[in-house]
Amino acid sequence: MKWNPEAFAALAARHGGEVLQHQQPLRSARQGAAHFGIAMAQTAPTLIIDADGDIFACILSGARDGVDWDKLAQTLGRSQARLADRRRVREITGCDAGAVPLLGLDLPCAMDLLLLAHDFVYGGAGDPLRTLKISPHALAELNRVSLWYE
């Protein structure tokens, strides 16, 4: 499914989300947390994962110090997991890695349980100059999350 910014913004708004614009790209969870004055644990990057040839969206808390790839593969029920390369991310999502949206990808989705501790989380909105602020519960529902990373 290719990226549609208007449909994304409308979907987010219907579920209490807000697309926030900023002047400079936020290239890391640390930059995002500093920019919005939030805890690292509220940042929620969407990673596109290749797990034994199957593609997943994985939304992790910025509070984690990197990805435990063995644990993620186990969560996904696969023998191995890795980041999809930038070309493949663009091909699958219509967006660049680092700006992958939190919603609307129509991919199987795993989400970090740590995110549920917050009223709002912040992550990709399909454009490096936009960030989505949304309830993690709405995020889980909209993405039909069935796999939880602990």
C-alpha atoms as a PDB file:
ATOM      1  CA  MET A   1       0.000   0.000   0.000  1.00  0.00           C
ATOM      2  CA  LYS A   2       1.531   3.320  -1.043  1.00  0.00           C
ATOM      3  CA  TRP A   3       1.704   6.274   1.274  1.00  0.00           C
ATOM      4  CA  ASN A   4      -1.217   8.736   1.274  1.00  0.00           C
ATOM      5  CA  PRO A   5      -0.565  11.730   3.581  1.00  0.00           C
ATOM      6  CA  GLU A   6      -4.143  13.058   3.444  1.00  0.00           C
ATOM      7  CA  ALA A   7      -5.680   9.699   4.359  1.00  0.00           C
ATOM      8  CA  PHE A   8      -3.075   9.299   7.120  1.00  0.00           C
ATOM      9  CA  ALA A   9      -3.837  12.696   8.685  1.00  0.00           C
ATOM     10  CA  ALA A  10      -7.606  12.078   8.497  1.00  0.00           C
ATOM     11  CA  LEU A  11      -7.296   8.615  10.065  1.00  0.00           C
ATOM     12  CA  ALA A  12      -5.078   9.940  12.854  1.00  0.00           C
ATOM     13  CA  ALA A  13      -7.428  12.863  13.580  1.00  0.00           C
ATOM     14  CA  ARG A  14     -10.489  10.581  13.762  1.00  0.00           C
ATOM     15  CA  HIS A  15      -8.722   8.663  16.536  1.00  0.00           C
ATOM     16  CA  GLY A  16      -7.400  11.576  18.585  1.00  0.00           C
ATOM     17  CA  GLY A  17      -4.036  11.826  16.857  1.00  0.00           C
ATOM     18  CA  GLU A  18      -2.323  14.987  15.766  1.00  0.00           C
ATOM     19  CA  VAL A  19       0.236  15.517  13.012  1.00  0.00           C
ATOM     20  CA  LEU A  20       2.871  17.942  14.313  1.00  0.00           C
ATOM     21  CA  GLN A  21       5.046  19.893  11.892  1.00  0.00           C
ATOM     22  CA  HIS A  22       8.617  20.971  12.580  1.00  0.00           C
ATOM     23  CA  GLN A  23      11.265  22.931  10.694  1.00  0.00           C
ATOM     24  CA  GLN A  24      14.077  20.367  10.804  1.00  0.00           C
ATOM     25  CA  PRO A  25      13.985  16.578  10.339  1.00  0.00           C
ATOM     26  CA  LEU A  26      14.194  14.652  13.599  1.00  0.00           C
ATOM     27  CA  ARG A  27      16.722  11.926  12.824  1.00  0.00           C
ATOM     28  CA  SER A  28      16.642   9.988  16.086  1.00  0.00           C
ATOM     29  CA  ALA A  29      14.445   9.185  19.055  1.00  0.00           C
ATOM     30  CA  ARG A  30      16.752  11.350  21.166  1.00  0.00           C
ATOM     31  CA  GLN A  31      16.227  14.346  18.863  1.00  0.00           C
ATOM     32  CA  GLY A  32      12.470  13.781  18.890  1.00  0.00           C
ATOM     33  CA  ALA A  33      12.318  13.534  22.666  1.00  0.00           C
ATOM     34  CA  ALA A  34      14.327  16.747  23.066  1.00  0.00           C
ATOM     35  CA  HIS A  35      12.282  18.611  20.449  1.00  0.00           C
ATOM     36  CA  PHE A  36       8.905  17.718  21.978  1.00  0.00           C
ATOM     37  CA  GLY A  37      10.046  17.719  25.617  1.00  0.00           C
ATOM     38  CA  ILE A  38       8.973  14.119  26.164  1.00  0.00           C
ATOM     39  CA  ALA A  39      10.522  10.999  27.664  1.00  0.00           C
ATOM     40  CA  MET A  40      12.532   8.736  25.377  1.00  0.00           C
ATOM     41  CA  ALA A  41      10.019   6.009  26.248  1.00  0.00           C
ATOM     42  CA  GLN A  42       7.319   8.000  24.394  1.00  0.00           C
ATOM     43  CA  THR A  43       9.180   7.960  21.102  1.00  0.00           C
ATOM     44  CA  ALA A  44       7.913   5.205  18.839  1.00  0.00           C
ATOM     45  CA  PRO A  45       9.883   4.600  15.650  1.00  0.00           C
ATOM     46  CA  THR A  46       8.316   2.243  13.113  1.00  0.00           C
ATOM     47  CA  LEU A  47      10.847  -0.249  11.786  1.00  0.00           C
ATOM     48  CA  ILE A  48      10.238  -2.329   8.680  1.00  0.00           C
ATOM     49  CA  ILE A  49      11.508  -5.797   9.453  1.00  0.00           C
ATOM     50  CA  ASP A  50      12.400  -8.675   7.153  1.00  0.00           C
ATOM     51  CA  ALA A  51      11.904 -11.872   9.142  1.00  0.00           C
ATOM     52  CA  ASP A  52      12.684 -15.002   7.133  1.00  0.00           C
ATOM     53  CA  GLY A  53      11.447 -13.210   4.013  1.00  0.00           C
ATOM     54  CA  ASP A  54       8.190 -11.974   5.576  1.00  0.00           C
ATOM     55  CA  ILE A  55       7.734  -8.231   6.117  1.00  0.00           C
ATOM     56  CA  PHE A  56       6.474  -6.747   9.396  1.00  0.00           C
ATOM     57  CA  ALA A  57       6.065  -3.282  10.866  1.00  0.00           C
ATOM     58  CA  CYS A  58       7.534  -3.114  14.359  1.00  0.00           C
ATOM     59  CA  ILE A  59       6.859  -0.151  16.636  1.00  0.00           C
ATOM     60  CA  LEU A  60       9.359  -0.038  19.489  1.00  0.00           C
ATOM     61  CA  SER A  61       9.799   2.324  22.410  1.00  0.00           C
ATOM     62  CA  GLY A  62      12.764   4.677  22.212  1.00  0.00           C
ATOM     63  CA  ALA A  63      13.489   3.655  25.806  1.00  0.00           C
ATOM     64  CA  ARG A  64      15.048   0.445  24.518  1.00  0.00           C
ATOM     65  CA  ASP A  65      18.755   0.613  23.883  1.00  0.00           C
ATOM     66  CA  GLY A  66      18.691  -0.907  20.416  1.00  0.00           C
ATOM     67  CA  VAL A  67      16.854  -3.959  19.146  1.00  0.00           C
ATOM     68  CA  ASP A  68      17.367  -7.447  20.522  1.00  0.00           C
ATOM     69  CA  TRP A  69      17.150  -9.174  17.123  1.00  0.00           C
ATOM     70  CA  ASP A  70      16.884 -12.708  18.537  1.00  0.00           C
ATOM     71  CA  LYS A  71      14.057 -11.644  20.833  1.00  0.00           C
ATOM     72  CA  LEU A  72      12.293  -9.840  17.977  1.00  0.00           C
ATOM     73  CA  ALA A  73      12.590 -12.891  15.704  1.00  0.00           C
ATOM     74  CA  GLN A  74      11.103 -15.017  18.490  1.00  0.00           C
ATOM     75  CA  THR A  75       8.248 -12.501  18.959  1.00  0.00           C
ATOM     76  CA  LEU A  76       7.541 -12.691  15.221  1.00  0.00           C
ATOM     77  CA  GLY A  77       7.719 -16.487  15.236  1.00  0.00           C
ATOM     78  CA  ARG A  78      10.662 -16.525  12.845  1.00  0.00           C
ATOM     79  CA  SER A  79      14.223 -17.822  13.016  1.00  0.00           C
ATOM     80  CA  GLN A  80      15.813 -14.448  12.243  1.00  0.00           C
ATOM     81  CA  ALA A  81      14.850 -10.799  11.865  1.00  0.00           C
ATOM     82  CA  ARG A  82      16.653  -7.784  10.465  1.00  0.00           C
ATOM     83  CA  LEU A  83      15.919  -4.289   9.234  1.00  0.00           C
ATOM     84  CA  ALA A  84      14.752  -4.147   5.649  1.00  0.00           C
ATOM     85  CA  ASP A  85      17.185  -2.128   3.545  1.00  0.00           C
ATOM     86  CA  ARG A  86      16.348   1.495   2.676  1.00  0.00           C
ATOM     87  CA  ARG A  87      15.360   0.680  -0.913  1.00  0.00           C
ATOM     88  CA  ARG A  88      12.981  -2.032   0.254  1.00  0.00           C
ATOM     89  CA  VAL A  89      11.463   0.254   2.927  1.00  0.00           C
ATOM     90  CA  ARG A  90      10.744   2.877   0.244  1.00  0.00           C
ATOM     91  CA  GLU A  91       9.302   0.213  -2.074  1.00  0.00           C
ATOM     92  CA  ILE A  92       7.009  -1.223   0.638  1.00  0.00           C
ATOM     93  CA  THR A  93       5.846   1.977   2.336  1.00  0.00           C
ATOM     94  CA  GLY A  94       6.329   4.771  -0.181  1.00  0.00           C
ATOM     95  CA  CYS A  95       8.309   6.591   2.533  1.00  0.00           C
ATOM     96  CA  ASP A  96      11.957   6.886   3.451  1.00  0.00           C
ATOM     97  CA  ALA A  97      13.402   4.944   6.384  1.00  0.00           C
ATOM     98  CA  GLY A  98      13.309   7.222   9.399  1.00  0.00           C
ATOM     99  CA  ALA A  99       9.937   8.704   8.416  1.00  0.00           C
ATOM    100  CA  VAL A 100       7.932   5.468   8.210  1.00  0.00           C
ATOM    101  CA  PRO A 101       4.422   6.234   9.469  1.00  0.00           C
ATOM    102  CA  LEU A 102       2.928   4.746  12.598  1.00  0.00           C
ATOM    103  CA  LEU A 103      -0.370   4.041  10.796  1.00  0.00           C
ATOM    104  CA  GLY A 104      -1.768   2.919   7.479  1.00  0.00           C
ATOM    105  CA  LEU A 105       0.837   0.435   6.302  1.00  0.00           C
ATOM    106  CA  ASP A 106      -1.403  -2.629   6.081  1.00  0.00           C
ATOM    107  CA  LEU A 107       1.410  -4.880   7.314  1.00  0.00           C
ATOM    108  CA  PRO A 108       1.422  -7.374  10.172  1.00  0.00           C
ATOM    109  CA  CYS A 109       2.437  -5.278  13.158  1.00  0.00           C
ATOM    110  CA  ALA A 110       4.313  -5.932  16.398  1.00  0.00           C
ATOM    111  CA  MET A 111       4.285  -3.260  19.084  1.00  0.00           C
ATOM    112  CA  ASP A 112       6.310  -2.661  22.223  1.00  0.00           C
ATOM    113  CA  LEU A 113       4.340  -3.138  25.456  1.00  0.00           C
ATOM    114  CA  LEU A 114       6.359  -0.311  27.051  1.00  0.00           C
ATOM    115  CA  LEU A 115       4.452   2.192  24.893  1.00  0.00           C
ATOM    116  CA  LEU A 116       1.156   1.395  26.634  1.00  0.00           C
ATOM    117  CA  ALA A 117       2.388   3.129  29.807  1.00  0.00           C
ATOM    118  CA  HIS A 118       1.949   6.566  28.188  1.00  0.00           C
ATOM    119  CA  ASP A 119      -1.020   8.743  27.285  1.00  0.00           C
ATOM    120  CA  PHE A 120       0.612   9.653  23.971  1.00  0.00           C
ATOM    121  CA  VAL A 121       3.492   8.397  21.854  1.00  0.00           C
ATOM    122  CA  TYR A 122       5.293  10.171  19.022  1.00  0.00           C
ATOM    123  CA  GLY A 123       6.515   8.640  15.776  1.00  0.00           C
ATOM    124  CA  GLY A 124       6.692   8.767  12.025  1.00  0.00           C
ATOM    125  CA  ALA A 125       4.122  10.547   9.908  1.00  0.00           C
ATOM    126  CA  GLY A 126       5.529   9.682   6.473  1.00  0.00           C
ATOM    127  CA  ASP A 127       7.529  12.888   6.103  1.00  0.00           C
ATOM    128  CA  PRO A 128      10.742  13.865   7.916  1.00  0.00           C
ATOM    129  CA  LEU A 129       9.187  17.251   8.817  1.00  0.00           C
ATOM    130  CA  ARG A 130       6.100  15.742  10.470  1.00  0.00           C
ATOM    131  CA  THR A 131       5.555  13.627  13.582  1.00  0.00           C
ATOM    132  CA  LEU A 132       2.411  11.852  14.718  1.00  0.00           C
ATOM    133  CA  LYS A 133       1.260  12.218  18.337  1.00  0.00           C
ATOM    134  CA  ILE A 134      -1.305   9.546  19.234  1.00  0.00           C
ATOM    135  CA  SER A 135      -2.558   7.345  22.054  1.00  0.00           C
ATOM    136  CA  PRO A 136      -0.699   4.016  22.055  1.00  0.00           C
ATOM    137  CA  HIS A 137      -4.032   2.223  22.586  1.00  0.00           C
ATOM    138  CA  ALA A 138      -5.465   3.809  19.414  1.00  0.00           C
ATOM    139  CA  LEU A 139      -2.225   2.961  17.628  1.00  0.00           C
ATOM    140  CA  ALA A 140      -2.503  -0.704  18.620  1.00  0.00           C
ATOM    141  CA  GLU A 141      -6.149  -0.863  17.567  1.00  0.00           C
ATOM    142  CA  LEU A 142      -5.650   0.869  14.219  1.00  0.00           C
ATOM    143  CA  ASN A 143      -2.682  -1.340  13.334  1.00  0.00           C
ATOM    144  CA  ARG A 144      -4.501  -4.496  14.470  1.00  0.00           C
ATOM    145  CA  VAL A 145      -1.479  -5.363  16.618  1.00  0.00           C
ATOM    146  CA  SER A 146      -1.430  -9.043  17.496  1.00  0.00           C
ATOM    147  CA  LEU A 147       2.243  -9.444  18.407  1.00  0.00           C
ATOM    148  CA  TRP A 148       3.670  -7.747  21.489  1.00  0.00           C
ATOM    149  CA  TYR A 149       7.366  -7.097  22.085  1.00  0.00           C
ATOM    150  CA  GLU A 150       8.208  -7.321  25.795  1.00  0.00           C
END
